[in-house]
PDB file of N, CA and C in Angstrom:
ATOM      1  N   MET A   1     124.076  86.935  82.332  1.00  0.00           N
ATOM      2  CA  MET A   1     122.706  87.389  82.552  1.00  0.00           C
ATOM      3  C   MET A   1     122.498  88.704  81.785  1.00  0.00           C
ATOM      4  N   GLU A   2     121.383  88.811  81.097  1.00  0.00           N
ATOM      5  CA  GLU A   2     121.067  90.019  80.350  1.00  0.00           C
ATOM      6  C   GLU A   2     120.786  91.176  81.299  1.00  0.00           C
ATOM      7  N   ILE A   3     120.961  92.395  80.788  1.00  0.00           N
ATOM      8  CA  ILE A   3     120.765  93.584  81.619  1.00  0.00           C
ATOM      9  C   ILE A   3     119.335  93.649  82.166  1.00  0.00           C
ATOM     10  N   GLU A   4     118.346  93.241  81.362  1.00  0.00           N
ATOM     11  CA  GLU A   4     116.962  93.265  81.839  1.00  0.00           C
ATOM     12  C   GLU A   4     116.807  92.411  83.094  1.00  0.00           C
ATOM     13  N   GLN A   5     117.344  91.209  83.045  1.00  0.00           N
ATOM     14  CA  GLN A   5     117.247  90.307  84.196  1.00  0.00           C
ATOM     15  C   GLN A   5     117.982  90.873  85.400  1.00  0.00           C
ATOM     16  N   ARG A   6     119.122  91.494  85.173  1.00  0.00           N
ATOM     17  CA  ARG A   6     119.884  92.090  86.275  1.00  0.00           C
ATOM     18  C   ARG A   6     119.086  93.220  86.922  1.00  0.00           C
ATOM     19  N   VAL A   7     118.444  94.051  86.098  1.00  0.00           N
ATOM     20  CA  VAL A   7     117.616  95.143  86.627  1.00  0.00           C
ATOM     21  C   VAL A   7     116.468  94.568  87.455  1.00  0.00           C
ATOM     22  N   TYR A   8     115.766  93.576  86.909  1.00  0.00           N
ATOM     23  CA  TYR A   8     114.637  92.983  87.626  1.00  0.00           C
ATOM     24  C   TYR A   8     115.078  92.345  88.945  1.00  0.00           C
ATOM     25  N   GLU A   9     116.224  91.692  88.951  1.00  0.00           N
ATOM     26  CA  GLU A   9     116.732  91.081  90.192  1.00  0.00           C
ATOM     27  C   GLU A   9     117.029  92.149  91.239  1.00  0.00           C
ATOM     28  N   LEU A  10     117.588  93.276  90.818  1.00  0.00           N
ATOM     29  CA  LEU A  10     117.862  94.363  91.763  1.00  0.00           C
ATOM     30  C   LEU A  10     116.562  94.937  92.320  1.00  0.00           C
ATOM     31  N   VAL A  11     115.589  95.169  91.455  1.00  0.00           N
ATOM     32  CA  VAL A  11     114.313  95.740  91.904  1.00  0.00           C
ATOM     33  C   VAL A  11     113.638  94.825  92.925  1.00  0.00           C
ATOM     34  N   LYS A  12     113.740  93.528  92.734  1.00  0.00           N
ATOM     35  CA  LYS A  12     113.154  92.574  93.687  1.00  0.00           C
ATOM     36  C   LYS A  12     113.796  92.681  95.066  1.00  0.00           C
ATOM     37  N   LYS A  13     115.002  93.214  95.141  1.00  0.00           N
ATOM     38  CA  LYS A  13     115.713  93.342  96.424  1.00  0.00           C
ATOM     39  C   LYS A  13     115.293  94.574  97.219  1.00  0.00           C
ATOM     40  N   ILE A  14     114.580  95.501  96.600  1.00  0.00           N
ATOM     41  CA  ILE A  14     114.146  96.704  97.320  1.00  0.00           C
ATOM     42  C   ILE A  14     113.063  96.275  98.316  1.00  0.00           C
ATOM     43  N   PRO A  15     113.326  96.419  99.608  1.00  0.00           N
ATOM     44  CA  PRO A  15     112.356  95.937 100.602  1.00  0.00           C
ATOM     45  C   PRO A  15     111.088  96.790 100.671  1.00  0.00           C
ATOM     46  N   ARG A  16     110.024  96.181 101.134  1.00  0.00           N
ATOM     47  CA  ARG A  16     108.776  96.915 101.373  1.00  0.00           C
ATOM     48  C   ARG A  16     109.091  98.047 102.354  1.00  0.00           C
ATOM     49  N   GLY A  17     108.550  99.213 102.080  1.00  0.00           N
ATOM     50  CA  GLY A  17     108.800 100.367 102.942  1.00  0.00           C
ATOM     51  C   GLY A  17     110.004 101.181 102.515  1.00  0.00           C
ATOM     52  N   LYS A  18     110.628 100.794 101.401  1.00  0.00           N
ATOM     53  CA  LYS A  18     111.784 101.521 100.869  1.00  0.00           C
ATOM     54  C   LYS A  18     111.565 101.798  99.389  1.00  0.00           C
ATOM     55  N   VAL A  19     112.275 102.794  98.879  1.00  0.00           N
ATOM     56  CA  VAL A  19     112.288 103.093  97.449  1.00  0.00           C
ATOM     57  C   VAL A  19     113.735 103.247  97.011  1.00  0.00           C
ATOM     58  N   SER A  20     113.957 103.070  95.733  1.00  0.00           N
ATOM     59  CA  SER A  20     115.277 103.343  95.174  1.00  0.00           C
ATOM     60  C   SER A  20     115.071 104.171  93.912  1.00  0.00           C
ATOM     61  N   THR A  21     116.154 104.514  93.245  1.00  0.00           N
ATOM     62  CA  THR A  21     116.066 105.370  92.064  1.00  0.00           C
ATOM     63  C   THR A  21     116.631 104.665  90.839  1.00  0.00           C
ATOM     64  N   TYR A  22     116.279 105.198  89.683  1.00  0.00           N
ATOM     65  CA  TYR A  22     116.810 104.670  88.424  1.00  0.00           C
ATOM     66  C   TYR A  22     118.335 104.768  88.439  1.00  0.00           C
ATOM     67  N   GLY A  23     118.844 105.889  88.933  1.00  0.00           N
ATOM     68  CA  GLY A  23     120.290 106.097  89.007  1.00  0.00           C
ATOM     69  C   GLY A  23     120.983 105.151  89.969  1.00  0.00           C
ATOM     70  N   GLU A  24     120.350 104.858  91.083  1.00  0.00           N
ATOM     71  CA  GLU A  24     120.935 103.929  92.057  1.00  0.00           C
ATOM     72  C   GLU A  24     120.995 102.519  91.479  1.00  0.00           C
ATOM     73  N   ILE A  25     119.964 102.129  90.757  1.00  0.00           N
ATOM     74  CA  ILE A  25     119.985 100.814  90.111  1.00  0.00           C
ATOM     75  C   ILE A  25     121.084 100.780  89.057  1.00  0.00           C
ATOM     76  N   ALA A  26     121.218 101.857  88.289  1.00  0.00           N
ATOM     77  CA  ALA A  26     122.286 101.943  87.284  1.00  0.00           C
ATOM     78  C   ALA A  26     123.657 101.850  87.951  1.00  0.00           C
ATOM     79  N   ARG A  27     123.821 102.533  89.092  1.00  0.00           N
ATOM     80  CA  ARG A  27     125.090 102.474  89.824  1.00  0.00           C
ATOM     81  C   ARG A  27     125.379 101.042  90.259  1.00  0.00           C
ATOM     82  N   ALA A  28     124.350 100.357  90.754  1.00  0.00           N
ATOM     83  CA  ALA A  28     124.518  98.967  91.193  1.00  0.00           C
ATOM     84  C   ALA A  28     124.876  98.049  90.022  1.00  0.00           C
ATOM     85  N   LEU A  29     124.475  98.438  88.822  1.00  0.00           N
ATOM     86  CA  LEU A  29     124.837  97.684  87.615  1.00  0.00           C
ATOM     87  C   LEU A  29     126.270  97.970  87.181  1.00  0.00           C
ATOM     88  N   GLY A  30     126.845  99.050  87.743  1.00  0.00           N
ATOM     89  CA  GLY A  30     128.222  99.392  87.420  1.00  0.00           C
ATOM     90  C   GLY A  30     128.389 100.561  86.469  1.00  0.00           C
ATOM     91  N   ASN A  31     127.279 101.222  86.088  1.00  0.00           N
ATOM     92  CA  ASN A  31     127.376 102.354  85.170  1.00  0.00           C
ATOM     93  C   ASN A  31     126.205 103.303  85.404  1.00  0.00           C
ATOM     94  N   LYS A  32     126.477 104.408  86.106  1.00  0.00           N
ATOM     95  CA  LYS A  32     125.427 105.375  86.437  1.00  0.00           C
ATOM     96  C   LYS A  32     124.745 105.964  85.213  1.00  0.00           C
ATOM     97  N   LYS A  33     125.413 105.904  84.078  1.00  0.00           N
ATOM     98  CA  LYS A  33     124.840 106.464  82.846  1.00  0.00           C
ATOM     99  C   LYS A  33     123.690 105.618  82.299  1.00  0.00           C
ATOM    100  N   LEU A  34     123.443 104.474  82.902  1.00  0.00           N
ATOM    101  CA  LEU A  34     122.377 103.582  82.438  1.00  0.00           C
ATOM    102  C   LEU A  34     121.012 103.893  83.062  1.00  0.00           C
ATOM    103  N   ALA A  35     120.889 105.013  83.771  1.00  0.00           N
ATOM    104  CA  ALA A  35     119.632 105.329  84.466  1.00  0.00           C
ATOM    105  C   ALA A  35     118.438 105.343  83.514  1.00  0.00           C
ATOM    106  N   ARG A  36     118.590 105.942  82.352  1.00  0.00           N
ATOM    107  CA  ARG A  36     117.477 105.985  81.386  1.00  0.00           C
ATOM    108  C   ARG A  36     117.162 104.592  80.849  1.00  0.00           C
ATOM    109  N   VAL A  37     118.192 103.788  80.661  1.00  0.00           N
ATOM    110  CA  VAL A  37     117.994 102.408  80.206  1.00  0.00           C
ATOM    111  C   VAL A  37     117.195 101.640  81.259  1.00  0.00           C
ATOM    112  N   VAL A  38     117.534 101.842  82.521  1.00  0.00           N
ATOM    113  CA  VAL A  38     116.799 101.200  83.620  1.00  0.00           C
ATOM    114  C   VAL A  38     115.321 101.587  83.540  1.00  0.00           C
ATOM    115  N   GLY A  39     115.050 102.868  83.323  1.00  0.00           N
ATOM    116  CA  GLY A  39     113.668 103.335  83.199  1.00  0.00           C
ATOM    117  C   GLY A  39     112.931 102.659  82.057  1.00  0.00           C
ATOM    118  N   GLN A  40     113.597 102.528  80.928  1.00  0.00           N
ATOM    119  CA  GLN A  40     112.974 101.877  79.766  1.00  0.00           C
ATOM    120  C   GLN A  40     112.697 100.397  80.043  1.00  0.00           C
ATOM    121  N   ILE A  41     113.620  99.748  80.715  1.00  0.00           N
ATOM    122  CA  ILE A  41     113.429  98.330  81.056  1.00  0.00           C
ATOM    123  C   ILE A  41     112.234  98.174  81.992  1.00  0.00           C
ATOM    124  N   LEU A  42     112.156  99.021  83.005  1.00  0.00           N
ATOM    125  CA  LEU A  42     111.055  98.914  83.968  1.00  0.00           C
ATOM    126  C   LEU A  42     109.712  99.258  83.331  1.00  0.00           C
ATOM    127  N   LYS A  43     109.733 100.116  82.335  1.00  0.00           N
ATOM    128  CA  LYS A  43     108.511 100.467  81.607  1.00  0.00           C
ATOM    129  C   LYS A  43     107.915  99.233  80.918  1.00  0.00           C
ATOM    130  N   ARG A  44     108.775  98.292  80.558  1.00  0.00           N
ATOM    131  CA  ARG A  44     108.340  97.069  79.868  1.00  0.00           C
ATOM    132  C   ARG A  44     108.076  95.900  80.829  1.00  0.00           C
ATOM    133  N   ASN A  45     108.159  96.146  82.126  1.00  0.00           N
ATOM    134  CA  ASN A  45     107.947  95.091  83.121  1.00  0.00           C
ATOM    135  C   ASN A  45     106.582  94.430  82.913  1.00  0.00           C
ATOM    136  N   GLN A  46     106.587  93.145  82.643  1.00  0.00           N
ATOM    137  CA  GLN A  46     105.355  92.395  82.391  1.00  0.00           C
ATOM    138  C   GLN A  46     104.753  91.787  83.662  1.00  0.00           C
ATOM    139  N   ASP A  47     105.480  91.853  84.769  1.00  0.00           N
ATOM    140  CA  ASP A  47     104.999  91.214  85.998  1.00  0.00           C
ATOM    141  C   ASP A  47     105.198  92.121  87.214  1.00  0.00           C
ATOM    142  N   PRO A  48     104.403  93.222  87.304  1.00  0.00           N
ATOM    143  CA  PRO A  48     104.580  94.158  88.419  1.00  0.00           C
ATOM    144  C   PRO A  48     104.268  93.573  89.796  1.00  0.00           C
ATOM    145  N   GLU A  49     103.574  92.443  89.847  1.00  0.00           N
ATOM    146  CA  GLU A  49     103.326  91.782  91.134  1.00  0.00           C
ATOM    147  C   GLU A  49     104.618  91.155  91.660  1.00  0.00           C
ATOM    148  N   LYS A  50     105.377  90.559  90.778  1.00  0.00           N
ATOM    149  CA  LYS A  50     106.614  89.866  91.143  1.00  0.00           C
ATOM    150  C   LYS A  50     107.813  90.819  91.173  1.00  0.00           C
ATOM    151  N   ILE A  51     107.805  91.793  90.271  1.00  0.00           N
ATOM    152  CA  ILE A  51     108.900  92.763  90.172  1.00  0.00           C
ATOM    153  C   ILE A  51     108.318  94.131  90.526  1.00  0.00           C
ATOM    154  N   PRO A  52     108.468  94.564  91.784  1.00  0.00           N
ATOM    155  CA  PRO A  52     107.792  95.773  92.273  1.00  0.00           C
ATOM    156  C   PRO A  52     108.430  97.082  91.791  1.00  0.00           C
ATOM    157  N   CYS A  53     108.310  97.337  90.486  1.00  0.00           N
ATOM    158  CA  CYS A  53     108.950  98.520  89.911  1.00  0.00           C
ATOM    159  C   CYS A  53     108.337  99.827  90.423  1.00  0.00           C
ATOM    160  N   TYR A  54     107.184  99.756  91.085  1.00  0.00           N
ATOM    161  CA  TYR A  54     106.609 100.967  91.676  1.00  0.00           C
ATOM    162  C   TYR A  54     107.504 101.523  92.786  1.00  0.00           C
ATOM    163  N   ARG A  55     108.431 100.724  93.285  1.00  0.00           N
ATOM    164  CA  ARG A  55     109.351 101.176  94.338  1.00  0.00           C
ATOM    165  C   ARG A  55     110.546 101.948  93.777  1.00  0.00           C
ATOM    166  N   VAL A  56     110.564 102.165  92.476  1.00  0.00           N
ATOM    167  CA  VAL A  56     111.645 102.925  91.840  1.00  0.00           C
ATOM    168  C   VAL A  56     111.098 104.304  91.486  1.00  0.00           C
ATOM    169  N   VAL A  57     111.784 105.334  91.986  1.00  0.00           N
ATOM    170  CA  VAL A  57     111.340 106.717  91.807  1.00  0.00           C
ATOM    171  C   VAL A  57     112.488 107.565  91.262  1.00  0.00           C
ATOM    172  N   ARG A  58     112.194 108.825  91.006  1.00  0.00           N
ATOM    173  CA  ARG A  58     113.226 109.736  90.495  1.00  0.00           C
ATOM    174  C   ARG A  58     114.173 110.159  91.619  1.00  0.00           C
ATOM    175  N   SER A  59     115.357 110.559  91.243  1.00  0.00           N
ATOM    176  CA  SER A  59     116.377 110.930  92.240  1.00  0.00           C
ATOM    177  C   SER A  59     116.022 112.196  93.016  1.00  0.00           C
ATOM    178  N   ASP A  60     115.093 113.001  92.492  1.00  0.00           N
ATOM    179  CA  ASP A  60     114.665 114.196  93.225  1.00  0.00           C
ATOM    180  C   ASP A  60     113.498 113.901  94.175  1.00  0.00           C
ATOM    181  N   GLY A  61     113.137 112.619  94.286  1.00  0.00           N
ATOM    182  CA  GLY A  61     112.063 112.224  95.187  1.00  0.00           C
ATOM    183  C   GLY A  61     110.679 112.241  94.560  1.00  0.00           C
ATOM    184  N   LYS A  62     110.582 112.722  93.314  1.00  0.00           N
ATOM    185  CA  LYS A  62     109.286 112.706  92.627  1.00  0.00           C
ATOM    186  C   LYS A  62     108.936 111.267  92.273  1.00  0.00           C
ATOM    187  N   ILE A  63     107.649 111.000  92.216  1.00  0.00           N
ATOM    188  CA  ILE A  63     107.149 109.643  92.001  1.00  0.00           C
ATOM    189  C   ILE A  63     107.617 109.044  90.680  1.00  0.00           C
ATOM    190  N   GLY A  64     107.602 109.810  89.609  1.00  0.00           N
ATOM    191  CA  GLY A  64     107.974 109.274  88.298  1.00  0.00           C
ATOM    192  C   GLY A  64     106.829 108.486  87.690  1.00  0.00           C
ATOM    193  N   GLY A  65     107.085 107.853  86.564  1.00  0.00           N
ATOM    194  CA  GLY A  65     106.039 107.142  85.835  1.00  0.00           C
ATOM    195  C   GLY A  65     105.776 105.742  86.361  1.00  0.00           C
ATOM    196  N   TYR A  66     104.690 105.168  85.838  1.00  0.00           N
ATOM    197  CA  TYR A  66     104.317 103.793  86.185  1.00  0.00           C
ATOM    198  C   TYR A  66     103.342 103.318  85.124  1.00  0.00           C
ATOM    199  N   SER A  67     103.593 102.156  84.574  1.00  0.00           N
ATOM    200  CA  SER A  67     102.770 101.660  83.464  1.00  0.00           C
ATOM    201  C   SER A  67     101.300 101.461  83.839  1.00  0.00           C
ATOM    202  N   LEU A  68     101.020 101.238  85.106  1.00  0.00           N
ATOM    203  CA  LEU A  68      99.634 101.054  85.553  1.00  0.00           C
ATOM    204  C   LEU A  68      99.015 102.349  86.074  1.00  0.00           C
ATOM    205  N   GLY A  69      99.721 103.475  85.901  1.00  0.00           N
ATOM    206  CA  GLY A  69      99.205 104.782  86.292  1.00  0.00           C
ATOM    207  C   GLY A  69      99.785 105.305  87.598  1.00  0.00           C
ATOM    208  N   ILE A  70      99.910 106.619  87.656  1.00  0.00           N
ATOM    209  CA  ILE A  70     100.501 107.289  88.824  1.00  0.00           C
ATOM    210  C   ILE A  70      99.663 107.052  90.086  1.00  0.00           C
ATOM    211  N   ARG A  71      98.341 107.121  89.956  1.00  0.00           N
ATOM    212  CA  ARG A  71      97.482 106.908  91.138  1.00  0.00           C
ATOM    213  C   ARG A  71      97.725 105.537  91.753  1.00  0.00           C
ATOM    214  N   ARG A  72      97.857 104.537  90.903  1.00  0.00           N
ATOM    215  CA  ARG A  72      98.118 103.171  91.385  1.00  0.00           C
ATOM    216  C   ARG A  72      99.481 103.110  92.073  1.00  0.00           C
ATOM    217  N   LYS A  73     100.484 103.767  91.482  1.00  0.00           N
ATOM    218  CA  LYS A  73     101.828 103.775  92.070  1.00  0.00           C
ATOM    219  C   LYS A  73     101.791 104.417  93.454  1.00  0.00           C
ATOM    220  N   ILE A  74     101.120 105.545  93.567  1.00  0.00           N
ATOM    221  CA  ILE A  74     101.012 106.235  94.855  1.00  0.00           C
ATOM    222  C   ILE A  74     100.296 105.349  95.875  1.00  0.00           C
ATOM    223  N   LYS A  75      99.226 104.696  95.449  1.00  0.00           N
ATOM    224  CA  LYS A  75      98.478 103.805  96.344  1.00  0.00           C
ATOM    225  C   LYS A  75      99.368 102.675  96.858  1.00  0.00           C
ATOM    226  N   LEU A  76     100.146 102.064  95.958  1.00  0.00           N
ATOM    227  CA  LEU A  76     101.033 100.968  96.349  1.00  0.00           C
ATOM    228  C   LEU A  76     102.136 101.450  97.293  1.00  0.00           C
ATOM    229  N   LEU A  77     102.706 102.616  97.005  1.00  0.00           N
ATOM    230  CA  LEU A  77     103.758 103.164  97.871  1.00  0.00           C
ATOM    231  C   LEU A  77     103.205 103.463  99.266  1.00  0.00           C
ATOM    232  N   LYS A  78     102.035 104.065  99.318  1.00  0.00           N
ATOM    233  CA  LYS A  78     101.420 104.365 100.616  1.00  0.00           C
ATOM    234  C   LYS A  78     101.113 103.084 101.383  1.00  0.00           C
ATOM    235  N   LYS A  79     100.669 102.060 100.666  1.00  0.00           N
ATOM    236  CA  LYS A  79     100.400 100.763 101.295  1.00  0.00           C
ATOM    237  C   LYS A  79     101.676 100.197 101.917  1.00  0.00           C
ATOM    238  N   ASP A  80     102.825 100.483 101.300  1.00  0.00           N
ATOM    239  CA  ASP A  80     104.126 100.057 101.826  1.00  0.00           C
ATOM    240  C   ASP A  80     104.600 100.929 102.990  1.00  0.00           C
ATOM    241  N   GLY A  81     103.860 102.005 103.285  1.00  0.00           N
ATOM    242  CA  GLY A  81     104.247 102.881 104.387  1.00  0.00           C
ATOM    243  C   GLY A  81     105.067 104.091 103.976  1.00  0.00           C
ATOM    244  N   ILE A  82     105.174 104.333 102.681  1.00  0.00           N
ATOM    245  CA  ILE A  82     105.928 105.485 102.175  1.00  0.00           C
ATOM    246  C   ILE A  82     105.044 106.723 102.272  1.00  0.00           C
ATOM    247  N   LYS A  83     105.604 107.809 102.796  1.00  0.00           N
ATOM    248  CA  LYS A  83     104.853 109.058 102.918  1.00  0.00           C
ATOM    249  C   LYS A  83     105.042 109.881 101.642  1.00  0.00           C
ATOM    250  N   ILE A  84     103.918 110.334 101.072  1.00  0.00           N
ATOM    251  CA  ILE A  84     103.945 111.090  99.825  1.00  0.00           C
ATOM    252  C   ILE A  84     103.173 112.385 100.008  1.00  0.00           C
ATOM    253  N   GLU A  85     103.762 113.463  99.494  1.00  0.00           N
ATOM    254  CA  GLU A  85     103.115 114.767  99.558  1.00  0.00           C
ATOM    255  C   GLU A  85     103.389 115.502  98.252  1.00  0.00           C
ATOM    256  N   ASN A  86     102.331 115.947  97.593  1.00  0.00           N
ATOM    257  CA  ASN A  86     102.445 116.675  96.321  1.00  0.00           C
ATOM    258  C   ASN A  86     103.266 115.923  95.275  1.00  0.00           C
ATOM    259  N   GLY A  87     103.027 114.631  95.150  1.00  0.00           N
ATOM    260  CA  GLY A  87     103.704 113.835  94.128  1.00  0.00           C
ATOM    261  C   GLY A  87     105.167 113.558  94.392  1.00  0.00           C
ATOM    262  N   ARG A  88     105.566 113.709  95.637  1.00  0.00           N
ATOM    263  CA  ARG A  88     106.968 113.550  96.018  1.00  0.00           C
ATOM    264  C   ARG A  88     107.066 112.729  97.307  1.00  0.00           C
ATOM    265  N   ILE A  89     108.133 111.948  97.417  1.00  0.00           N
ATOM    266  CA  ILE A  89     108.367 111.179  98.642  1.00  0.00           C
ATOM    267  C   ILE A  89     108.752 112.156  99.749  1.00  0.00           C
ATOM    268  N   LYS A  90     108.007 112.124 100.834  1.00  0.00           N
ATOM    269  CA  LYS A  90     108.323 112.965 101.993  1.00  0.00           C
ATOM    270  C   LYS A  90     109.412 112.253 102.797  1.00  0.00           C
ATOM    271  N   GLU A  91     110.402 112.997 103.264  1.00  0.00           N
ATOM    272  CA  GLU A  91     111.536 112.413 103.998  1.00  0.00           C
ATOM    273  C   GLU A  91     112.224 111.342 103.137  1.00  0.00           C
ATOM    274  N   PHE A  92     112.539 111.717 101.909  1.00  0.00           N
ATOM    275  CA  PHE A  92     113.096 110.805 100.913  1.00  0.00           C
ATOM    276  C   PHE A  92     114.282 110.002 101.444  1.00  0.00           C
ATOM    277  N   GLU A  93     115.199 110.644 102.146  1.00  0.00           N
ATOM    278  CA  GLU A  93     116.404 109.964 102.648  1.00  0.00           C
ATOM    279  C   GLU A  93     116.051 108.814 103.591  1.00  0.00           C
ATOM    280  N   LYS A  94     114.981 108.988 104.345  1.00  0.00           N
ATOM    281  CA  LYS A  94     114.536 107.961 105.301  1.00  0.00           C
ATOM    282  C   LYS A  94     114.073 106.687 104.578  1.00  0.00           C
ATOM    283  N   PHE A  95     113.478 106.852 103.414  1.00  0.00           N
ATOM    284  CA  PHE A  95     112.914 105.719 102.678  1.00  0.00           C
ATOM    285  C   PHE A  95     113.825 105.195 101.568  1.00  0.00           C
ATOM    286  N   PHE A  96     114.941 105.881 101.332  1.00  0.00           N
ATOM    287  CA  PHE A  96     115.829 105.518 100.219  1.00  0.00           C
ATOM    288  C   PHE A  96     116.600 104.229 100.509  1.00  0.00           C
ATOM    289  N   TYR A  97     116.595 103.326  99.537  1.00  0.00           N
ATOM    290  CA  TYR A  97     117.333 102.067  99.642  1.00  0.00           C
ATOM    291  C   TYR A  97     118.548 102.124  98.729  1.00  0.00           C
ATOM    292  N   LYS A  98     119.721 101.944  99.321  1.00  0.00           N
ATOM    293  CA  LYS A  98     120.974 101.933  98.562  1.00  0.00           C
ATOM    294  C   LYS A  98     121.470 100.497  98.474  1.00  0.00           C
ATOM    295  N   PHE A  99     121.795 100.072  97.268  1.00  0.00           N
ATOM    296  CA  PHE A  99     122.303  98.716  97.071  1.00  0.00           C
ATOM    297  C   PHE A  99     123.734  98.615  97.570  1.00  0.00           C
ATOM    298  N   LYS A 100     124.075  97.459  98.117  1.00  0.00           N
ATOM    299  CA  LYS A 100     125.416  97.235  98.656  1.00  0.00           C
ATOM    300  C   LYS A 100     126.359  96.808  97.568  1.00  0.00           C
TER     301      LYS A 100
END
C-alpha cells in the first residue's frame, strides 16, 4: 500500500470528537520524521467528506491549515464537539487520539 493510502486509512480511524497530529500519524506509520510528508499528503486530500483531515492538527494544539479554509475547519471541529479557543484546541490532551 502506498504511503498516501496508509495516511488516509489512519485519518479515517480518528473518531468524531477526537483529533490527532501530523506527528502522531507519522509515528503510526513507523517514522516520526514523516510529519511534514503527512501534512503534504493531507493537503492534497480530494475527498474531505470521506477522509476527515480536518481532525488532524498541530502538536502544539493549534488548528493548522485546511484546504477548505481555517473557518471551515474550526466549524467542523466544533460540530464534532471539540472546544477551540484562540485558534487552539482547548484541553488538547482530552481530545487527542493516539493510534494503537
